[in-house]
Amino acid sequence: MQGFFERVYTVVKEIPCGKVATYGDVARLCGNARMSRQVGWALHVNPQPGVIPCHRVIFSDGSLSTGFAFGGKDVQKNLLLSEGVEVSKDYKVDLKKYRWEI
C-alpha cells in the first residue's frame, strides 16, 4: 500500500503538460480533500524533480506557490510558460482555461 506522499507523486505525474491542478485537486485524488497542505509538504520534498512535475500544482485561486521548492515563483512561472500555460503579471493562471479536468 502506498503512503500519502507516494500517492501525491503518482497523481502529480499524471497532470498533462500544459495543464495545472490545485493542491486541493491533488489531495482529493489521493483520497482526502482536506489534505492540501500535506500535498504541499510532499511536493516540497519532491524526490524526483523533473520527473514529478510539481510546478503544475498551484493554489485554488490560480496563484503560483510563493515558496516553489526549486527556485521560487519565477522558476515555476517559466516552467509553466514553456508548456504553453499563460501566467499573468501577478503570477496567476486562469483555472477555467488550464485546469486539468479529471
PDB file of N, CA and C in Angstrom:
ATOM      1  N   MET A   1       0.840  -1.198   0.000  1.00  0.00           N
ATOM      2  CA  MET A   1       0.000   0.000   0.000  1.00  0.00           C
ATOM      3  C   MET A   1       0.879   1.254   0.000  1.00  0.00           C
ATOM      4  N   GLN A   2       0.535   2.196  -0.859  1.00  0.00           N
ATOM      5  CA  GLN A   2       1.291   3.438  -0.952  1.00  0.00           C
ATOM      6  C   GLN A   2       0.972   4.359   0.216  1.00  0.00           C
ATOM      7  N   GLY A   3       1.985   5.081   0.682  1.00  0.00           N
ATOM      8  CA  GLY A   3       1.771   6.130   1.645  1.00  0.00           C
ATOM      9  C   GLY A   3       1.234   7.365   0.945  1.00  0.00           C
ATOM     10  N   PHE A   4       0.823   8.351   1.736  1.00  0.00           N
ATOM     11  CA  PHE A   4       0.212   9.548   1.157  1.00  0.00           C
ATOM     12  C   PHE A   4       1.153  10.269   0.192  1.00  0.00           C
ATOM     13  N   PHE A   5       2.412  10.471   0.577  1.00  0.00           N
ATOM     14  CA  PHE A   5       3.338  11.189  -0.298  1.00  0.00           C
ATOM     15  C   PHE A   5       3.494  10.459  -1.627  1.00  0.00           C
ATOM     16  N   GLU A   6       3.575   9.143  -1.593  1.00  0.00           N
ATOM     17  CA  GLU A   6       3.718   8.371  -2.832  1.00  0.00           C
ATOM     18  C   GLU A   6       2.484   8.520  -3.714  1.00  0.00           C
ATOM     19  N   ARG A   7       1.299   8.571  -3.080  1.00  0.00           N
ATOM     20  CA  ARG A   7       0.075   8.791  -3.859  1.00  0.00           C
ATOM     21  C   ARG A   7       0.103  10.179  -4.507  1.00  0.00           C
ATOM     22  N   VAL A   8       0.601  11.175  -3.770  1.00  0.00           N
ATOM     23  CA  VAL A   8       0.731  12.529  -4.325  1.00  0.00           C
ATOM     24  C   VAL A   8       1.614  12.491  -5.561  1.00  0.00           C
ATOM     25  N   TYR A   9       2.759  11.844  -5.464  1.00  0.00           N
ATOM     26  CA  TYR A   9       3.684  11.798  -6.594  1.00  0.00           C
ATOM     27  C   TYR A   9       3.059  11.082  -7.791  1.00  0.00           C
ATOM     28  N   THR A  10       2.310  10.021  -7.534  1.00  0.00           N
ATOM     29  CA  THR A  10       1.641   9.288  -8.612  1.00  0.00           C
ATOM     30  C   THR A  10       0.640  10.181  -9.324  1.00  0.00           C
ATOM     31  N   VAL A  11      -0.179  10.919  -8.565  1.00  0.00           N
ATOM     32  CA  VAL A  11      -1.183  11.810  -9.155  1.00  0.00           C
ATOM     33  C   VAL A  11      -0.519  12.946  -9.928  1.00  0.00           C
ATOM     34  N   VAL A  12       0.481  13.568  -9.338  1.00  0.00           N
ATOM     35  CA  VAL A  12       1.116  14.724  -9.978  1.00  0.00           C
ATOM     36  C   VAL A  12       1.784  14.315 -11.297  1.00  0.00           C
ATOM     37  N   LYS A  13       2.318  13.115 -11.364  1.00  0.00           N
ATOM     38  CA  LYS A  13       2.914  12.632 -12.620  1.00  0.00           C
ATOM     39  C   LYS A  13       1.869  12.521 -13.736  1.00  0.00           C
ATOM     40  N   GLU A  14       0.602  12.420 -13.377  1.00  0.00           N
ATOM     41  CA  GLU A  14      -0.470  12.282 -14.365  1.00  0.00           C
ATOM     42  C   GLU A  14      -0.957  13.614 -14.922  1.00  0.00           C
ATOM     43  N   ILE A  15      -0.602  14.728 -14.285  1.00  0.00           N
ATOM     44  CA  ILE A  15      -1.046  16.038 -14.776  1.00  0.00           C
ATOM     45  C   ILE A  15      -0.379  16.280 -16.134  1.00  0.00           C
ATOM     46  N   PRO A  16      -1.178  16.469 -17.177  1.00  0.00           N
ATOM     47  CA  PRO A  16      -0.593  16.623 -18.518  1.00  0.00           C
ATOM     48  C   PRO A  16       0.187  17.929 -18.676  1.00  0.00           C
ATOM     49  N   CYS A  17       1.161  17.890 -19.554  1.00  0.00           N
ATOM     50  CA  CYS A  17       1.893  19.092 -19.934  1.00  0.00           C
ATOM     51  C   CYS A  17       0.874  20.113 -20.451  1.00  0.00           C
ATOM     52  N   GLY A  18       1.004  21.367 -20.013  1.00  0.00           N
ATOM     53  CA  GLY A  18       0.086  22.410 -20.452  1.00  0.00           C
ATOM     54  C   GLY A  18      -1.157  22.536 -19.592  1.00  0.00           C
ATOM     55  N   LYS A  19      -1.218  21.764 -18.511  1.00  0.00           N
ATOM     56  CA  LYS A  19      -2.346  21.823 -17.587  1.00  0.00           C
ATOM     57  C   LYS A  19      -1.827  22.005 -16.167  1.00  0.00           C
ATOM     58  N   VAL A  20      -2.706  22.460 -15.274  1.00  0.00           N
ATOM     59  CA  VAL A  20      -2.371  22.609 -13.857  1.00  0.00           C
ATOM     60  C   VAL A  20      -3.464  21.965 -13.013  1.00  0.00           C
ATOM     61  N   ALA A  21      -3.128  21.689 -11.776  1.00  0.00           N
ATOM     62  CA  ALA A  21      -4.097  21.217 -10.781  1.00  0.00           C
ATOM     63  C   ALA A  21      -3.829  21.977  -9.499  1.00  0.00           C
ATOM     64  N   THR A  22      -4.834  22.071  -8.665  1.00  0.00           N
ATOM     65  CA  THR A  22      -4.645  22.741  -7.381  1.00  0.00           C
ATOM     66  C   THR A  22      -4.187  21.719  -6.340  1.00  0.00           C
ATOM     67  N   TYR A  23      -3.660  22.239  -5.243  1.00  0.00           N
ATOM     68  CA  TYR A  23      -3.274  21.360  -4.135  1.00  0.00           C
ATOM     69  C   TYR A  23      -4.488  20.559  -3.670  1.00  0.00           C
ATOM     70  N   GLY A  24      -5.651  21.196  -3.642  1.00  0.00           N
ATOM     71  CA  GLY A  24      -6.884  20.515  -3.250  1.00  0.00           C
ATOM     72  C   GLY A  24      -7.296  19.434  -4.227  1.00  0.00           C
ATOM     73  N   ASP A  25      -7.110  19.694  -5.531  1.00  0.00           N
ATOM     74  CA  ASP A  25      -7.408  18.678  -6.541  1.00  0.00           C
ATOM     75  C   ASP A  25      -6.576  17.428  -6.282  1.00  0.00           C
ATOM     76  N   VAL A  26      -5.283  17.632  -6.060  1.00  0.00           N
ATOM     77  CA  VAL A  26      -4.382  16.503  -5.832  1.00  0.00           C
ATOM     78  C   VAL A  26      -4.768  15.771  -4.554  1.00  0.00           C
ATOM     79  N   ALA A  27      -5.070  16.518  -3.499  1.00  0.00           N
ATOM     80  CA  ALA A  27      -5.470  15.887  -2.235  1.00  0.00           C
ATOM     81  C   ALA A  27      -6.720  15.031  -2.429  1.00  0.00           C
ATOM     82  N   ARG A  28      -7.699  15.569  -3.164  1.00  0.00           N
ATOM     83  CA  ARG A  28      -8.940  14.827  -3.410  1.00  0.00           C
ATOM     84  C   ARG A  28      -8.654  13.535  -4.174  1.00  0.00           C
ATOM     85  N   LEU A  29      -7.804  13.615  -5.184  1.00  0.00           N
ATOM     86  CA  LEU A  29      -7.463  12.432  -5.965  1.00  0.00           C
ATOM     87  C   LEU A  29      -6.659  11.414  -5.157  1.00  0.00           C
ATOM     88  N   CYS A  30      -6.039  11.885  -4.088  1.00  0.00           N
ATOM     89  CA  CYS A  30      -5.286  10.984  -3.204  1.00  0.00           C
ATOM     90  C   CYS A  30      -6.162  10.386  -2.113  1.00  0.00           C
ATOM     91  N   GLY A  31      -7.433  10.785  -2.095  1.00  0.00           N
ATOM     92  CA  GLY A  31      -8.368  10.178  -1.158  1.00  0.00           C
ATOM     93  C   GLY A  31      -8.780  11.023   0.022  1.00  0.00           C
ATOM     94  N   ASN A  32      -8.240  12.248   0.154  1.00  0.00           N
ATOM     95  CA  ASN A  32      -8.634  13.096   1.269  1.00  0.00           C
ATOM     96  C   ASN A  32      -8.526  14.568   0.869  1.00  0.00           C
ATOM     97  N   ALA A  33      -9.652  15.151   0.488  1.00  0.00           N
ATOM     98  CA  ALA A  33      -9.690  16.529   0.001  1.00  0.00           C
ATOM     99  C   ALA A  33      -9.213  17.544   1.037  1.00  0.00           C
ATOM    100  N   ARG A  34      -9.142  17.144   2.288  1.00  0.00           N
ATOM    101  CA  ARG A  34      -8.744  18.086   3.348  1.00  0.00           C
ATOM    102  C   ARG A  34      -7.231  18.093   3.587  1.00  0.00           C
ATOM    103  N   MET A  35      -6.482  17.386   2.759  1.00  0.00           N
ATOM    104  CA  MET A  35      -5.037  17.278   2.991  1.00  0.00           C
ATOM    105  C   MET A  35      -4.207  18.076   1.984  1.00  0.00           C
ATOM    106  N   SER A  36      -4.730  19.210   1.530  1.00  0.00           N
ATOM    107  CA  SER A  36      -3.998  20.004   0.544  1.00  0.00           C
ATOM    108  C   SER A  36      -2.665  20.520   1.095  1.00  0.00           C
ATOM    109  N   ARG A  37      -2.625  20.850   2.368  1.00  0.00           N
ATOM    110  CA  ARG A  37      -1.370  21.323   2.968  1.00  0.00           C
ATOM    111  C   ARG A  37      -0.316  20.210   2.931  1.00  0.00           C
ATOM    112  N   GLN A  38      -0.747  18.983   3.177  1.00  0.00           N
ATOM    113  CA  GLN A  38       0.180  17.853   3.132  1.00  0.00           C
ATOM    114  C   GLN A  38       0.682  17.594   1.709  1.00  0.00           C
ATOM    115  N   VAL A  39      -0.165  17.894   0.717  1.00  0.00           N
ATOM    116  CA  VAL A  39       0.284  17.812  -0.675  1.00  0.00           C
ATOM    117  C   VAL A  39       1.458  18.766  -0.881  1.00  0.00           C
ATOM    118  N   GLY A  40       1.327  19.961  -0.354  1.00  0.00           N
ATOM    119  CA  GLY A  40       2.422  20.938  -0.434  1.00  0.00           C
ATOM    120  C   GLY A  40       3.690  20.431   0.221  1.00  0.00           C
ATOM    121  N   TRP A  41       3.548  19.811   1.378  1.00  0.00           N
ATOM    122  CA  TRP A  41       4.722  19.255   2.064  1.00  0.00           C
ATOM    123  C   TRP A  41       5.377  18.173   1.210  1.00  0.00           C
ATOM    124  N   ALA A  42       4.557  17.309   0.629  1.00  0.00           N
ATOM    125  CA  ALA A  42       5.087  16.234  -0.220  1.00  0.00           C
ATOM    126  C   ALA A  42       5.855  16.818  -1.400  1.00  0.00           C
ATOM    127  N   LEU A  43       5.294  17.849  -2.025  1.00  0.00           N
ATOM    128  CA  LEU A  43       5.950  18.422  -3.193  1.00  0.00           C
ATOM    129  C   LEU A  43       7.203  19.208  -2.819  1.00  0.00           C
ATOM    130  N   HIS A  44       7.223  19.739  -1.613  1.00  0.00           N
ATOM    131  CA  HIS A  44       8.410  20.467  -1.149  1.00  0.00           C
ATOM    132  C   HIS A  44       9.619  19.541  -1.045  1.00  0.00           C
ATOM    133  N   VAL A  45       9.379  18.265  -0.801  1.00  0.00           N
ATOM    134  CA  VAL A  45      10.471  17.286  -0.699  1.00  0.00           C
ATOM    135  C   VAL A  45      10.452  16.327  -1.895  1.00  0.00           C
ATOM    136  N   ASN A  46       9.988  16.813  -3.028  1.00  0.00           N
ATOM    137  CA  ASN A  46       9.902  16.040  -4.267  1.00  0.00           C
ATOM    138  C   ASN A  46      11.212  15.270  -4.480  1.00  0.00           C
ATOM    139  N   PRO A  47      11.161  13.938  -4.481  1.00  0.00           N
ATOM    140  CA  PRO A  47      12.393  13.162  -4.629  1.00  0.00           C
ATOM    141  C   PRO A  47      12.888  13.065  -6.071  1.00  0.00           C
ATOM    142  N   GLN A  48      12.064  13.504  -7.028  1.00  0.00           N
ATOM    143  CA  GLN A  48      12.437  13.391  -8.440  1.00  0.00           C
ATOM    144  C   GLN A  48      12.065  14.650  -9.215  1.00  0.00           C
ATOM    145  N   PRO A  49      12.723  15.779  -8.925  1.00  0.00           N
ATOM    146  CA  PRO A  49      12.445  16.993  -9.694  1.00  0.00           C
ATOM    147  C   PRO A  49      12.670  16.726 -11.184  1.00  0.00           C
ATOM    148  N   GLY A  50      11.767  17.228 -12.004  1.00  0.00           N
ATOM    149  CA  GLY A  50      11.865  16.981 -13.431  1.00  0.00           C
ATOM    150  C   GLY A  50      11.084  15.749 -13.864  1.00  0.00           C
ATOM    151  N   VAL A  51      10.931  14.798 -12.973  1.00  0.00           N
ATOM    152  CA  VAL A  51      10.129  13.601 -13.243  1.00  0.00           C
ATOM    153  C   VAL A  51       8.735  13.796 -12.664  1.00  0.00           C
ATOM    154  N   ILE A  52       8.681  14.309 -11.448  1.00  0.00           N
ATOM    155  CA  ILE A  52       7.414  14.650 -10.797  1.00  0.00           C
ATOM    156  C   ILE A  52       7.220  16.149 -11.012  1.00  0.00           C
ATOM    157  N   PRO A  53       6.309  16.540 -11.919  1.00  0.00           N
ATOM    158  CA  PRO A  53       6.191  17.946 -12.318  1.00  0.00           C
ATOM    159  C   PRO A  53       5.422  18.807 -11.309  1.00  0.00           C
ATOM    160  N   CYS A  54       6.037  19.031 -10.165  1.00  0.00           N
ATOM    161  CA  CYS A  54       5.350  19.769  -9.107  1.00  0.00           C
ATOM    162  C   CYS A  54       5.050  21.214  -9.492  1.00  0.00           C
ATOM    163  N   HIS A  55       5.703  21.734 -10.535  1.00  0.00           N
ATOM    164  CA  HIS A  55       5.407  23.102 -10.981  1.00  0.00           C
ATOM    165  C   HIS A  55       3.995  23.227 -11.532  1.00  0.00           C
ATOM    166  N   ARG A  56       3.338  22.113 -11.823  1.00  0.00           N
ATOM    167  CA  ARG A  56       1.971  22.138 -12.361  1.00  0.00           C
ATOM    168  C   ARG A  56       0.918  22.200 -11.256  1.00  0.00           C
ATOM    169  N   VAL A  57       1.332  22.270 -10.002  1.00  0.00           N
ATOM    170  CA  VAL A  57       0.383  22.336  -8.885  1.00  0.00           C
ATOM    171  C   VAL A  57       0.400  23.755  -8.330  1.00  0.00           C
ATOM    172  N   ILE A  58      -0.805  24.352  -8.242  1.00  0.00           N
ATOM    173  CA  ILE A  58      -0.936  25.746  -7.828  1.00  0.00           C
ATOM    174  C   ILE A  58      -2.049  25.883  -6.786  1.00  0.00           C
ATOM    175  N   PHE A  59      -2.199  27.093  -6.265  1.00  0.00           N
ATOM    176  CA  PHE A  59      -3.242  27.360  -5.272  1.00  0.00           C
ATOM    177  C   PHE A  59      -4.623  27.437  -5.920  1.00  0.00           C
ATOM    178  N   SER A  60      -5.653  27.312  -5.118  1.00  0.00           N
ATOM    179  CA  SER A  60      -7.028  27.259  -5.623  1.00  0.00           C
ATOM    180  C   SER A  60      -7.509  28.566  -6.255  1.00  0.00           C
ATOM    181  N   ASP A  61      -6.805  29.666  -6.005  1.00  0.00           N
ATOM    182  CA  ASP A  61      -7.177  30.927  -6.658  1.00  0.00           C
ATOM    183  C   ASP A  61      -6.374  31.161  -7.946  1.00  0.00           C
ATOM    184  N   GLY A  62      -5.588  30.156  -8.345  1.00  0.00           N
ATOM    185  CA  GLY A  62      -4.777  30.257  -9.546  1.00  0.00           C
ATOM    186  C   GLY A  62      -3.375  30.785  -9.318  1.00  0.00           C
ATOM    187  N   SER A  63      -3.058  31.157  -8.072  1.00  0.00           N
ATOM    188  CA  SER A  63      -1.742  31.710  -7.762  1.00  0.00           C
ATOM    189  C   SER A  63      -0.663  30.640  -7.769  1.00  0.00           C
ATOM    190  N   LEU A  64       0.535  31.068  -8.164  1.00  0.00           N
ATOM    191  CA  LEU A  64       1.688  30.196  -8.074  1.00  0.00           C
ATOM    192  C   LEU A  64       2.170  30.158  -6.635  1.00  0.00           C
ATOM    193  N   SER A  65       2.936  29.154  -6.324  1.00  0.00           N
ATOM    194  CA  SER A  65       3.454  28.998  -4.969  1.00  0.00           C
ATOM    195  C   SER A  65       4.526  30.042  -4.698  1.00  0.00           C
ATOM    196  N   THR A  66       4.408  30.740  -3.592  1.00  0.00           N
ATOM    197  CA  THR A  66       5.412  31.740  -3.229  1.00  0.00           C
ATOM    198  C   THR A  66       6.715  31.075  -2.810  1.00  0.00           C
ATOM    199  N   GLY A  67       6.644  29.825  -2.399  1.00  0.00           N
ATOM    200  CA  GLY A  67       7.842  29.126  -1.962  1.00  0.00           C
ATOM    201  C   GLY A  67       8.171  27.945  -2.839  1.00  0.00           C
ATOM    202  N   PHE A  68       7.971  28.077  -4.146  1.00  0.00           N
ATOM    203  CA  PHE A  68       8.229  26.962  -5.052  1.00  0.00           C
ATOM    204  C   PHE A  68       9.598  26.374  -4.715  1.00  0.00           C
ATOM    205  N   ALA A  69       9.595  25.098  -4.396  1.00  0.00           N
ATOM    206  CA  ALA A  69      10.750  24.435  -3.792  1.00  0.00           C
ATOM    207  C   ALA A  69      12.015  24.458  -4.636  1.00  0.00           C
ATOM    208  N   PHE A  70      11.893  24.668  -5.922  1.00  0.00           N
ATOM    209  CA  PHE A  70      13.071  24.551  -6.765  1.00  0.00           C
ATOM    210  C   PHE A  70      13.441  25.847  -7.453  1.00  0.00           C
ATOM    211  N   GLY A  71      13.302  26.963  -6.736  1.00  0.00           N
ATOM    212  CA  GLY A  71      13.787  28.213  -7.299  1.00  0.00           C
ATOM    213  C   GLY A  71      12.862  29.403  -7.205  1.00  0.00           C
ATOM    214  N   GLY A  72      11.689  29.255  -6.625  1.00  0.00           N
ATOM    215  CA  GLY A  72      10.783  30.381  -6.471  1.00  0.00           C
ATOM    216  C   GLY A  72       9.756  30.479  -7.578  1.00  0.00           C
ATOM    217  N   LYS A  73       8.856  31.449  -7.416  1.00  0.00           N
ATOM    218  CA  LYS A  73       7.723  31.537  -8.330  1.00  0.00           C
ATOM    219  C   LYS A  73       8.127  31.946  -9.744  1.00  0.00           C
ATOM    220  N   ASP A  74       9.268  32.620  -9.920  1.00  0.00           N
ATOM    221  CA  ASP A  74       9.698  32.951 -11.281  1.00  0.00           C
ATOM    222  C   ASP A  74      10.102  31.694 -12.039  1.00  0.00           C
ATOM    223  N   VAL A  75      10.744  30.752 -11.360  1.00  0.00           N
ATOM    224  CA  VAL A  75      11.104  29.481 -11.996  1.00  0.00           C
ATOM    225  C   VAL A  75       9.837  28.705 -12.335  1.00  0.00           C
ATOM    226  N   GLN A  76       8.881  28.672 -11.396  1.00  0.00           N
ATOM    227  CA  GLN A  76       7.622  27.982 -11.655  1.00  0.00           C
ATOM    228  C   GLN A  76       6.912  28.624 -12.842  1.00  0.00           C
ATOM    229  N   LYS A  77       6.874  29.941 -12.878  1.00  0.00           N
ATOM    230  CA  LYS A  77       6.234  30.658 -13.981  1.00  0.00           C
ATOM    231  C   LYS A  77       6.886  30.284 -15.307  1.00  0.00           C
ATOM    232  N   ASN A  78       8.210  30.286 -15.366  1.00  0.00           N
ATOM    233  CA  ASN A  78       8.912  29.971 -16.610  1.00  0.00           C
ATOM    234  C   ASN A  78       8.678  28.537 -17.052  1.00  0.00           C
ATOM    235  N   LEU A  79       8.618  27.604 -16.102  1.00  0.00           N
ATOM    236  CA  LEU A  79       8.327  26.207 -16.440  1.00  0.00           C
ATOM    237  C   LEU A  79       6.925  26.094 -17.045  1.00  0.00           C
ATOM    238  N   LEU A  80       5.960  26.783 -16.447  1.00  0.00           N
ATOM    239  CA  LEU A  80       4.594  26.740 -16.978  1.00  0.00           C
ATOM    240  C   LEU A  80       4.512  27.413 -18.346  1.00  0.00           C
ATOM    241  N   LEU A  81       5.161  28.560 -18.490  1.00  0.00           N
ATOM    242  CA  LEU A  81       5.170  29.250 -19.784  1.00  0.00           C
ATOM    243  C   LEU A  81       5.763  28.362 -20.872  1.00  0.00           C
ATOM    244  N   SER A  82       6.807  27.612 -20.525  1.00  0.00           N
ATOM    245  CA  SER A  82       7.445  26.740 -21.520  1.00  0.00           C
ATOM    246  C   SER A  82       6.525  25.616 -21.978  1.00  0.00           C
ATOM    247  N   GLU A  83       5.476  25.339 -21.196  1.00  0.00           N
ATOM    248  CA  GLU A  83       4.494  24.320 -21.545  1.00  0.00           C
ATOM    249  C   GLU A  83       3.243  24.916 -22.181  1.00  0.00           C
ATOM    250  N   GLY A  84       3.251  26.237 -22.392  1.00  0.00           N
ATOM    251  CA  GLY A  84       2.119  26.886 -23.028  1.00  0.00           C
ATOM    252  C   GLY A  84       1.054  27.388 -22.066  1.00  0.00           C
ATOM    253  N   VAL A  85       1.324  27.345 -20.766  1.00  0.00           N
ATOM    254  CA  VAL A  85       0.379  27.845 -19.766  1.00  0.00           C
ATOM    255  C   VAL A  85       0.651  29.331 -19.559  1.00  0.00           C
ATOM    256  N   GLU A  86      -0.358  30.159 -19.800  1.00  0.00           N
ATOM    257  CA  GLU A  86      -0.210  31.599 -19.602  1.00  0.00           C
ATOM    258  C   GLU A  86      -0.235  31.916 -18.110  1.00  0.00           C
ATOM    259  N   VAL A  87       0.686  32.784 -17.698  1.00  0.00           N
ATOM    260  CA  VAL A  87       0.769  33.219 -16.305  1.00  0.00           C
ATOM    261  C   VAL A  87       0.743  34.738 -16.311  1.00  0.00           C
ATOM    262  N   SER A  88      -0.164  35.323 -15.545  1.00  0.00           N
ATOM    263  CA  SER A  88      -0.308  36.778 -15.538  1.00  0.00           C
ATOM    264  C   SER A  88       0.852  37.454 -14.805  1.00  0.00           C
ATOM    265  N   LYS A  89       0.908  38.773 -14.926  1.00  0.00           N
ATOM    266  CA  LYS A  89       1.962  39.549 -14.253  1.00  0.00           C
ATOM    267  C   LYS A  89       1.925  39.380 -12.746  1.00  0.00           C
ATOM    268  N   ASP A  90       0.728  39.088 -12.213  1.00  0.00           N
ATOM    269  CA  ASP A  90       0.617  38.875 -10.763  1.00  0.00           C
ATOM    270  C   ASP A  90       0.710  37.383 -10.408  1.00  0.00           C
ATOM    271  N   TYR A  91       1.324  36.611 -11.300  1.00  0.00           N
ATOM    272  CA  TYR A  91       1.630  35.198 -11.059  1.00  0.00           C
ATOM    273  C   TYR A  91       0.390  34.334 -10.842  1.00  0.00           C
ATOM    274  N   LYS A  92      -0.599  34.528 -11.702  1.00  0.00           N
ATOM    275  CA  LYS A  92      -1.810  33.708 -11.621  1.00  0.00           C
ATOM    276  C   LYS A  92      -2.077  33.020 -12.956  1.00  0.00           C
ATOM    277  N   VAL A  93      -2.703  31.844 -12.852  1.00  0.00           N
ATOM    278  CA  VAL A  93      -3.092  31.042 -14.004  1.00  0.00           C
ATOM    279  C   VAL A  93      -4.611  31.021 -14.064  1.00  0.00           C
ATOM    280  N   ASP A  94      -5.160  31.127 -15.252  1.00  0.00           N
ATOM    281  CA  ASP A  94      -6.605  31.047 -15.454  1.00  0.00           C
ATOM    282  C   ASP A  94      -7.029  29.580 -15.323  1.00  0.00           C
ATOM    283  N   LEU A  95      -7.619  29.250 -14.178  1.00  0.00           N
ATOM    284  CA  LEU A  95      -8.013  27.860 -13.930  1.00  0.00           C
ATOM    285  C   LEU A  95      -9.105  27.390 -14.886  1.00  0.00           C
ATOM    286  N   LYS A  96      -9.954  28.291 -15.331  1.00  0.00           N
ATOM    287  CA  LYS A  96     -11.004  27.889 -16.277  1.00  0.00           C
ATOM    288  C   LYS A  96     -10.391  27.396 -17.584  1.00  0.00           C
ATOM    289  N   LYS A  97      -9.251  27.927 -17.935  1.00  0.00           N
ATOM    290  CA  LYS A  97      -8.604  27.576 -19.196  1.00  0.00           C
ATOM    291  C   LYS A  97      -7.604  26.417 -19.056  1.00  0.00           C
ATOM    292  N   TYR A  98      -6.864  26.381 -17.953  1.00  0.00           N
ATOM    293  CA  TYR A  98      -5.732  25.460 -17.842  1.00  0.00           C
ATOM    294  C   TYR A  98      -5.895  24.348 -16.798  1.00  0.00           C
ATOM    295  N   ARG A  99      -6.991  24.342 -16.054  1.00  0.00           N
ATOM    296  CA  ARG A  99      -7.139  23.320 -15.022  1.00  0.00           C
ATOM    297  C   ARG A  99      -7.325  21.942 -15.649  1.00  0.00           C
ATOM    298  N   TRP A 100      -6.607  20.993 -15.120  1.00  0.00           N
ATOM    299  CA  TRP A 100      -6.702  19.597 -15.558  1.00  0.00           C
ATOM    300  C   TRP A 100      -8.076  19.076 -15.206  1.00  0.00           C
ATOM    301  N   GLU A 101      -8.817  18.674 -16.208  1.00  0.00           N
ATOM    302  CA  GLU A 101     -10.155  18.112 -15.996  1.00  0.00           C
ATOM    303  C   GLU A 101     -10.009  16.619 -15.724  1.00  0.00           C
ATOM    304  N   ILE A 102     -10.372  16.253 -14.536  1.00  0.00           N
ATOM    305  CA  ILE A 102     -10.175  14.882 -14.094  1.00  0.00           C
ATOM    306  C   ILE A 102     -11.453  14.080 -14.240  1.00  0.00           C
TER     307      ILE A 102
END
